Amino acid sequence: MIYLGLPVIWGWLGAGLVLIALEVLLAPGSYLLWIGLAALTMAGLSAAMSFSAGGELATFGLLGLAFGALGWRIYGARVENDAARDLHDPAITMVGRVFVLSGAIENGIGQVRVDDTVWRVSGPPLPLGAAVKVKSLDGSTLIVEPA
């Protein structure tokens, strides 16, 4: 099929390459790669077969869904096995650590300094400067006990 004096294959090739370039340059980890691969596949199919305009769009839609599902499966598997997935989980990185109170625990509430941040703590009454060990987290409050 020919549009604007050019074979359709060039449109699909251009669209596919632009989508893949956008994935690489602007939005890594998105699904533009998979839609781009669907467009490149559509270019190959357009070169081998003749489609109506509606048939091309329907085939591209189905290819987009199939490649998107493949990408979802690949990205999902990568995230499941990612060794750094717990890197920013305070419950895992804070529990068991020992800190010095920067604010006495009075009425069950106090403060500790963790690196450059002040965290709210909850625990038994303890004076300023006492060492505490983190038992768990309740939202953004550290639950502590005397160390």
N, C-alpha and C. Protein backbone atom coordinates (compact mmCIF):
# COMPACT_ATOMS: atom_id res chain seq x y z
N MET A 1 0.84 -1.17 0.00
CA MET A 1 0.00 0.00 0.00
C MET A 1 0.89 1.24 0.00
N ILE A 2 0.43 2.31 -0.60
CA ILE A 2 1.22 3.53 -0.70
C ILE A 2 0.41 4.70 -0.14
N TYR A 3 1.03 5.47 0.77
CA TYR A 3 0.44 6.68 1.32
C TYR A 3 1.39 7.83 1.06
N LEU A 4 0.87 8.94 0.61
CA LEU A 4 1.67 10.13 0.34
C LEU A 4 2.86 9.83 -0.58
N GLY A 5 2.69 8.91 -1.49
CA GLY A 5 3.73 8.59 -2.46
C GLY A 5 4.83 7.69 -1.94
N LEU A 6 4.74 7.24 -0.69
CA LEU A 6 5.77 6.36 -0.10
C LEU A 6 5.15 5.03 0.29
N PRO A 7 5.89 3.96 0.16
CA PRO A 7 5.38 2.68 0.65
C PRO A 7 5.17 2.73 2.16
N VAL A 8 4.15 2.05 2.66
CA VAL A 8 3.80 2.05 4.08
C VAL A 8 4.94 1.53 4.95
N ILE A 9 5.77 0.68 4.38
CA ILE A 9 6.87 0.11 5.17
C ILE A 9 7.74 1.20 5.78
N TRP A 10 7.95 2.31 5.07
CA TRP A 10 8.81 3.38 5.58
C TRP A 10 8.16 4.08 6.78
N GLY A 11 6.85 4.20 6.77
CA GLY A 11 6.16 4.79 7.92
C GLY A 11 6.29 3.93 9.16
N TRP A 12 6.11 2.62 8.98
CA TRP A 12 6.24 1.71 10.12
C TRP A 12 7.68 1.66 10.62
N LEU A 13 8.64 1.64 9.70
CA LEU A 13 10.05 1.66 10.12
C LEU A 13 10.38 2.93 10.90
N GLY A 14 9.94 4.06 10.36
CA GLY A 14 10.21 5.33 11.03
C GLY A 14 9.56 5.39 12.40
N ALA A 15 8.30 4.97 12.48
CA ALA A 15 7.61 4.99 13.77
C ALA A 15 8.30 4.07 14.78
N GLY A 16 8.68 2.89 14.33
CA GLY A 16 9.35 1.95 15.23
C GLY A 16 10.66 2.48 15.75
N LEU A 17 11.47 3.06 14.85
CA LEU A 17 12.77 3.58 15.27
C LEU A 17 12.62 4.79 16.19
N VAL A 18 11.65 5.65 15.91
CA VAL A 18 11.42 6.81 16.77
C VAL A 18 10.97 6.36 18.17
N LEU A 19 10.08 5.39 18.24
CA LEU A 19 9.62 4.91 19.55
C LEU A 19 10.75 4.27 20.34
N ILE A 20 11.59 3.49 19.68
CA ILE A 20 12.72 2.87 20.39
C ILE A 20 13.71 3.94 20.84
N ALA A 21 13.96 4.94 19.99
CA ALA A 21 14.86 6.03 20.39
C ALA A 21 14.30 6.79 21.59
N LEU A 22 13.00 7.05 21.60
CA LEU A 22 12.38 7.72 22.75
C LEU A 22 12.52 6.89 24.02
N GLU A 23 12.39 5.59 23.89
CA GLU A 23 12.57 4.70 25.06
C GLU A 23 13.98 4.83 25.60
N VAL A 24 14.95 4.79 24.71
CA VAL A 24 16.35 4.83 25.13
C VAL A 24 16.73 6.19 25.70
N LEU A 25 16.29 7.26 25.05
CA LEU A 25 16.74 8.60 25.43
C LEU A 25 15.90 9.26 26.52
N LEU A 26 14.60 9.07 26.49
CA LEU A 26 13.74 9.85 27.39
C LEU A 26 13.03 9.05 28.47
N ALA A 27 12.67 7.83 28.19
CA ALA A 27 11.81 7.10 29.13
C ALA A 27 12.25 5.66 29.30
N PRO A 28 13.46 5.42 29.81
CA PRO A 28 13.89 4.03 29.99
C PRO A 28 12.96 3.29 30.94
N GLY A 29 12.68 2.05 30.62
CA GLY A 29 11.82 1.24 31.47
C GLY A 29 10.35 1.37 31.15
N SER A 30 10.00 2.18 30.18
CA SER A 30 8.59 2.28 29.79
C SER A 30 8.32 1.24 28.70
N TYR A 31 7.15 1.33 28.12
CA TYR A 31 6.76 0.32 27.13
C TYR A 31 6.92 0.81 25.70
N LEU A 32 7.59 1.93 25.48
CA LEU A 32 7.77 2.42 24.11
C LEU A 32 8.61 1.44 23.28
N LEU A 33 9.54 0.77 23.92
CA LEU A 33 10.35 -0.23 23.22
C LEU A 33 9.47 -1.29 22.58
N TRP A 34 8.50 -1.77 23.33
CA TRP A 34 7.67 -2.88 22.85
C TRP A 34 6.72 -2.43 21.75
N ILE A 35 6.21 -1.21 21.85
CA ILE A 35 5.36 -0.68 20.79
C ILE A 35 6.22 -0.42 19.55
N GLY A 36 7.44 0.04 19.75
CA GLY A 36 8.37 0.23 18.63
C GLY A 36 8.68 -1.08 17.93
N LEU A 37 8.87 -2.13 18.71
CA LEU A 37 9.12 -3.45 18.10
C LEU A 37 7.89 -3.94 17.34
N ALA A 38 6.71 -3.61 17.84
CA ALA A 38 5.49 -3.96 17.11
C ALA A 38 5.44 -3.21 15.78
N ALA A 39 5.84 -1.94 15.77
CA ALA A 39 5.86 -1.17 14.53
C ALA A 39 6.89 -1.73 13.55
N LEU A 40 8.07 -2.13 14.04
CA LEU A 40 9.08 -2.74 13.15
C LEU A 40 8.57 -4.07 12.59
N THR A 41 7.89 -4.84 13.42
CA THR A 41 7.31 -6.10 12.94
C THR A 41 6.25 -5.81 11.88
N MET A 42 5.48 -4.75 12.11
CA MET A 42 4.46 -4.36 11.13
C MET A 42 5.10 -3.94 9.82
N ALA A 43 6.27 -3.31 9.88
CA ALA A 43 7.00 -2.95 8.65
C ALA A 43 7.35 -4.21 7.88
N GLY A 44 7.82 -5.22 8.58
CA GLY A 44 8.16 -6.49 7.92
C GLY A 44 6.94 -7.15 7.31
N LEU A 45 5.83 -7.14 8.05
CA LEU A 45 4.60 -7.74 7.53
C LEU A 45 4.07 -6.96 6.32
N SER A 46 4.19 -5.60 6.36
CA SER A 46 3.73 -4.78 5.25
C SER A 46 4.55 -5.02 3.99
N ALA A 47 5.82 -5.35 4.19
CA ALA A 47 6.68 -5.64 3.04
C ALA A 47 6.31 -6.98 2.43
N ALA A 48 5.85 -7.91 3.24
CA ALA A 48 5.56 -9.26 2.76
C ALA A 48 4.12 -9.44 2.31
N MET A 49 3.18 -8.65 2.86
CA MET A 49 1.76 -8.84 2.58
C MET A 49 1.10 -7.50 2.28
N SER A 50 -0.05 -7.55 1.66
CA SER A 50 -0.82 -6.35 1.38
C SER A 50 -1.97 -6.28 2.39
N PHE A 51 -2.13 -5.13 3.03
CA PHE A 51 -3.17 -4.91 4.02
C PHE A 51 -4.04 -3.74 3.60
N SER A 52 -5.27 -3.74 4.05
CA SER A 52 -6.09 -2.54 3.96
C SER A 52 -5.67 -1.63 5.11
N ALA A 53 -6.09 -0.38 5.08
CA ALA A 53 -5.72 0.54 6.16
C ALA A 53 -6.24 0.04 7.50
N GLY A 54 -7.49 -0.42 7.53
CA GLY A 54 -8.05 -0.95 8.78
C GLY A 54 -7.33 -2.21 9.22
N GLY A 55 -6.96 -3.06 8.27
CA GLY A 55 -6.24 -4.29 8.60
C GLY A 55 -4.87 -4.01 9.18
N GLU A 56 -4.20 -2.98 8.64
CA GLU A 56 -2.89 -2.61 9.18
C GLU A 56 -3.02 -2.14 10.62
N LEU A 57 -3.98 -1.27 10.87
CA LEU A 57 -4.14 -0.75 12.23
C LEU A 57 -4.56 -1.83 13.20
N ALA A 58 -5.43 -2.73 12.77
CA ALA A 58 -5.86 -3.82 13.65
C ALA A 58 -4.70 -4.75 13.95
N THR A 59 -3.92 -5.06 12.92
CA THR A 59 -2.75 -5.94 13.12
C THR A 59 -1.73 -5.28 14.03
N PHE A 60 -1.49 -3.98 13.82
CA PHE A 60 -0.56 -3.25 14.69
C PHE A 60 -1.07 -3.24 16.13
N GLY A 61 -2.37 -3.06 16.32
CA GLY A 61 -2.94 -3.10 17.68
C GLY A 61 -2.71 -4.43 18.35
N LEU A 62 -2.95 -5.51 17.61
CA LEU A 62 -2.72 -6.85 18.18
C LEU A 62 -1.25 -7.09 18.48
N LEU A 63 -0.39 -6.65 17.56
CA LEU A 63 1.06 -6.79 17.80
C LEU A 63 1.47 -5.95 19.02
N GLY A 64 0.92 -4.75 19.14
CA GLY A 64 1.23 -3.91 20.30
C GLY A 64 0.83 -4.57 21.60
N LEU A 65 -0.35 -5.18 21.62
CA LEU A 65 -0.79 -5.90 22.82
C LEU A 65 0.12 -7.09 23.12
N ALA A 66 0.49 -7.84 22.09
CA ALA A 66 1.34 -9.02 22.29
C ALA A 66 2.73 -8.62 22.78
N PHE A 67 3.32 -7.60 22.14
CA PHE A 67 4.65 -7.16 22.58
C PHE A 67 4.57 -6.50 23.96
N GLY A 68 3.49 -5.77 24.24
CA GLY A 68 3.32 -5.18 25.57
C GLY A 68 3.23 -6.24 26.65
N ALA A 69 2.50 -7.32 26.38
CA ALA A 69 2.40 -8.43 27.34
C ALA A 69 3.77 -9.08 27.54
N LEU A 70 4.52 -9.22 26.46
CA LEU A 70 5.88 -9.78 26.57
C LEU A 70 6.75 -8.87 27.43
N GLY A 71 6.67 -7.56 27.20
CA GLY A 71 7.44 -6.61 28.00
C GLY A 71 7.04 -6.63 29.45
N TRP A 72 5.73 -6.73 29.71
CA TRP A 72 5.25 -6.80 31.09
C TRP A 72 5.81 -8.03 31.78
N ARG A 73 5.84 -9.13 31.06
CA ARG A 73 6.37 -10.36 31.64
C ARG A 73 7.87 -10.24 31.92
N ILE A 74 8.61 -9.67 30.98
CA ILE A 74 10.06 -9.51 31.17
C ILE A 74 10.36 -8.52 32.28
N TYR A 75 9.70 -7.35 32.27
CA TYR A 75 9.94 -6.35 33.32
C TYR A 75 9.50 -6.88 34.68
N GLY A 76 8.39 -7.60 34.73
CA GLY A 76 7.92 -8.16 35.99
C GLY A 76 8.89 -9.17 36.56
N ALA A 77 9.47 -10.00 35.72
CA ALA A 77 10.43 -11.00 36.18
C ALA A 77 11.69 -10.31 36.70
N ARG A 78 12.10 -9.22 36.05
CA ARG A 78 13.30 -8.52 36.47
C ARG A 78 13.09 -7.89 37.84
N VAL A 79 11.95 -7.29 38.07
CA VAL A 79 11.69 -6.64 39.35
C VAL A 79 11.61 -7.67 40.47
N GLU A 80 11.00 -8.82 40.23
CA GLU A 80 10.90 -9.87 41.24
C GLU A 80 12.28 -10.33 41.72
N ASN A 81 13.23 -10.42 40.82
CA ASN A 81 14.55 -10.95 41.15
C ASN A 81 15.57 -9.86 41.42
N ASP A 82 15.14 -8.62 41.55
CA ASP A 82 16.05 -7.51 41.76
C ASP A 82 16.61 -7.55 43.18
N ALA A 83 17.92 -7.68 43.30
CA ALA A 83 18.56 -7.80 44.61
C ALA A 83 18.45 -6.50 45.42
N ALA A 84 18.27 -5.37 44.77
CA ALA A 84 18.23 -4.08 45.47
C ALA A 84 16.81 -3.62 45.76
N ARG A 85 15.81 -4.47 45.63
CA ARG A 85 14.43 -4.02 45.80
C ARG A 85 14.14 -3.55 47.22
N ASP A 86 14.89 -4.01 48.21
CA ASP A 86 14.68 -3.62 49.60
C ASP A 86 15.61 -2.50 50.04
N LEU A 87 16.36 -1.95 49.11
CA LEU A 87 17.36 -0.95 49.44
C LEU A 87 16.78 0.25 50.18
N HIS A 88 15.61 0.71 49.79
CA HIS A 88 15.02 1.89 50.40
C HIS A 88 13.86 1.57 51.33
N ASP A 89 13.81 0.35 51.84
CA ASP A 89 12.75 -0.03 52.76
C ASP A 89 13.26 0.17 54.19
N PRO A 90 12.78 1.20 54.89
CA PRO A 90 13.29 1.48 56.23
C PRO A 90 13.07 0.34 57.20
N ALA A 91 12.01 -0.43 57.02
CA ALA A 91 11.76 -1.52 57.95
C ALA A 91 12.88 -2.54 57.91
N ILE A 92 13.48 -2.71 56.75
CA ILE A 92 14.56 -3.68 56.63
C ILE A 92 15.91 -3.06 57.01
N THR A 93 16.12 -1.79 56.63
CA THR A 93 17.43 -1.17 56.88
C THR A 93 17.58 -0.61 58.29
N MET A 94 16.49 -0.33 59.00
CA MET A 94 16.58 0.28 60.33
C MET A 94 16.46 -0.70 61.48
N VAL A 95 15.67 -1.75 61.30
CA VAL A 95 15.43 -2.70 62.39
C VAL A 95 16.75 -3.33 62.83
N GLY A 96 16.98 -3.31 64.14
CA GLY A 96 18.19 -3.90 64.70
C GLY A 96 19.31 -2.90 64.91
N ARG A 97 19.22 -1.73 64.32
CA ARG A 97 20.27 -0.72 64.49
C ARG A 97 20.13 -0.03 65.85
N VAL A 98 21.24 0.45 66.35
CA VAL A 98 21.27 1.13 67.64
C VAL A 98 21.59 2.61 67.41
N PHE A 99 20.83 3.48 68.08
CA PHE A 99 21.01 4.92 67.95
C PHE A 99 21.02 5.55 69.33
N VAL A 100 21.47 6.80 69.40
CA VAL A 100 21.47 7.57 70.64
C VAL A 100 20.34 8.59 70.55
N LEU A 101 19.56 8.68 71.61
CA LEU A 101 18.43 9.60 71.62
C LEU A 101 18.91 11.05 71.53
N SER A 102 18.34 11.81 70.59
CA SER A 102 18.63 13.24 70.50
C SER A 102 17.52 14.05 71.16
N GLY A 103 16.48 13.36 71.57
CA GLY A 103 15.39 13.96 72.34
C GLY A 103 14.86 12.89 73.28
N ALA A 104 14.76 13.19 74.55
CA ALA A 104 14.33 12.21 75.54
C ALA A 104 12.95 11.66 75.18
N ILE A 105 12.71 10.40 75.54
CA ILE A 105 11.39 9.81 75.32
C ILE A 105 10.53 10.16 76.53
N GLU A 106 9.54 11.03 76.30
CA GLU A 106 8.59 11.44 77.34
C GLU A 106 7.20 11.22 76.80
N ASN A 107 6.34 10.62 77.60
CA ASN A 107 4.98 10.28 77.18
C ASN A 107 5.00 9.37 75.95
N GLY A 108 6.04 8.54 75.89
CA GLY A 108 6.13 7.55 74.82
C GLY A 108 6.73 8.03 73.52
N ILE A 109 7.09 9.34 73.41
CA ILE A 109 7.59 9.89 72.15
C ILE A 109 8.93 10.59 72.39
N GLY A 110 9.89 10.36 71.47
CA GLY A 110 11.19 11.01 71.52
C GLY A 110 11.76 11.15 70.12
N GLN A 111 13.08 11.40 70.05
CA GLN A 111 13.74 11.58 68.75
C GLN A 111 15.11 10.94 68.74
N VAL A 112 15.51 10.47 67.55
CA VAL A 112 16.89 10.05 67.32
C VAL A 112 17.36 10.69 66.03
N ARG A 113 18.65 10.89 65.94
CA ARG A 113 19.24 11.40 64.70
C ARG A 113 19.84 10.21 63.97
N VAL A 114 19.38 10.03 62.71
CA VAL A 114 19.89 8.98 61.85
C VAL A 114 20.55 9.68 60.67
N ASP A 115 21.86 9.64 60.62
CA ASP A 115 22.64 10.35 59.60
C ASP A 115 22.26 11.83 59.64
N ASP A 116 21.61 12.36 58.62
CA ASP A 116 21.26 13.77 58.59
C ASP A 116 19.77 14.01 58.80
N THR A 117 19.06 13.02 59.33
CA THR A 117 17.63 13.11 59.51
C THR A 117 17.24 12.83 60.96
N VAL A 118 16.22 13.52 61.44
CA VAL A 118 15.69 13.27 62.78
C VAL A 118 14.43 12.42 62.62
N TRP A 119 14.42 11.30 63.33
CA TRP A 119 13.28 10.38 63.29
C TRP A 119 12.54 10.44 64.61
N ARG A 120 11.24 10.30 64.53
CA ARG A 120 10.40 10.19 65.73
C ARG A 120 10.50 8.75 66.23
N VAL A 121 10.60 8.61 67.55
CA VAL A 121 10.66 7.27 68.14
C VAL A 121 9.57 7.12 69.18
N SER A 122 9.20 5.88 69.40
CA SER A 122 8.22 5.55 70.43
C SER A 122 8.78 4.43 71.27
N GLY A 123 8.67 4.57 72.58
CA GLY A 123 9.18 3.55 73.47
C GLY A 123 9.02 3.94 74.92
N PRO A 124 9.66 3.20 75.80
CA PRO A 124 9.56 3.51 77.24
C PRO A 124 10.31 4.81 77.56
N PRO A 125 9.96 5.46 78.66
CA PRO A 125 10.65 6.71 79.04
C PRO A 125 12.16 6.49 79.19
N LEU A 126 12.94 7.28 78.47
CA LEU A 126 14.40 7.21 78.53
C LEU A 126 14.95 8.63 78.43
N PRO A 127 16.11 8.89 79.08
CA PRO A 127 16.67 10.24 79.06
C PRO A 127 17.41 10.53 77.73
N LEU A 128 17.65 11.81 77.49
CA LEU A 128 18.44 12.27 76.36
C LEU A 128 19.80 11.59 76.39
N GLY A 129 20.29 11.08 75.27
CA GLY A 129 21.59 10.44 75.19
C GLY A 129 21.58 8.94 75.43
N ALA A 130 20.44 8.38 75.80
CA ALA A 130 20.35 6.93 76.02
C ALA A 130 20.44 6.20 74.69
N ALA A 131 21.03 5.02 74.71
CA ALA A 131 21.12 4.19 73.51
C ALA A 131 19.84 3.36 73.38
N VAL A 132 19.31 3.35 72.16
CA VAL A 132 18.08 2.58 71.90
C VAL A 132 18.30 1.71 70.66
N LYS A 133 17.59 0.59 70.65
CA LYS A 133 17.65 -0.34 69.53
C LYS A 133 16.29 -0.35 68.85
N VAL A 134 16.26 -0.28 67.52
CA VAL A 134 15.01 -0.25 66.76
C VAL A 134 14.45 -1.67 66.69
N LYS A 135 13.20 -1.82 67.17
CA LYS A 135 12.51 -3.12 67.11
C LYS A 135 11.69 -3.25 65.84
N SER A 136 10.99 -2.16 65.48
CA SER A 136 10.12 -2.20 64.30
C SER A 136 9.78 -0.77 63.90
N LEU A 137 8.94 -0.64 62.89
CA LEU A 137 8.45 0.66 62.44
C LEU A 137 6.94 0.66 62.47
N ASP A 138 6.38 1.83 62.79
CA ASP A 138 4.95 2.05 62.70
C ASP A 138 4.78 3.29 61.84
N GLY A 139 4.61 3.10 60.54
CA GLY A 139 4.58 4.22 59.61
C GLY A 139 5.97 4.83 59.54
N SER A 140 6.11 6.08 59.98
CA SER A 140 7.42 6.72 59.98
C SER A 140 7.97 6.88 61.40
N THR A 141 7.41 6.16 62.35
CA THR A 141 7.87 6.19 63.73
C THR A 141 8.64 4.91 64.04
N LEU A 142 9.84 5.08 64.59
CA LEU A 142 10.65 3.93 64.98
C LEU A 142 10.18 3.46 66.36
N ILE A 143 9.91 2.19 66.49
CA ILE A 143 9.57 1.61 67.79
C ILE A 143 10.88 1.09 68.38
N VAL A 144 11.24 1.62 69.56
CA VAL A 144 12.56 1.32 70.12
C VAL A 144 12.45 0.70 71.51
N GLU A 145 13.57 0.12 71.94
CA GLU A 145 13.73 -0.43 73.27
C GLU A 145 15.12 -0.04 73.75
N PRO A 146 15.36 -0.05 75.04
CA PRO A 146 16.72 0.29 75.51
C PRO A 146 17.72 -0.71 74.95
N ALA A 147 18.87 -0.19 74.55
CA ALA A 147 19.90 -1.05 73.96
C ALA A 147 20.71 -1.72 75.05
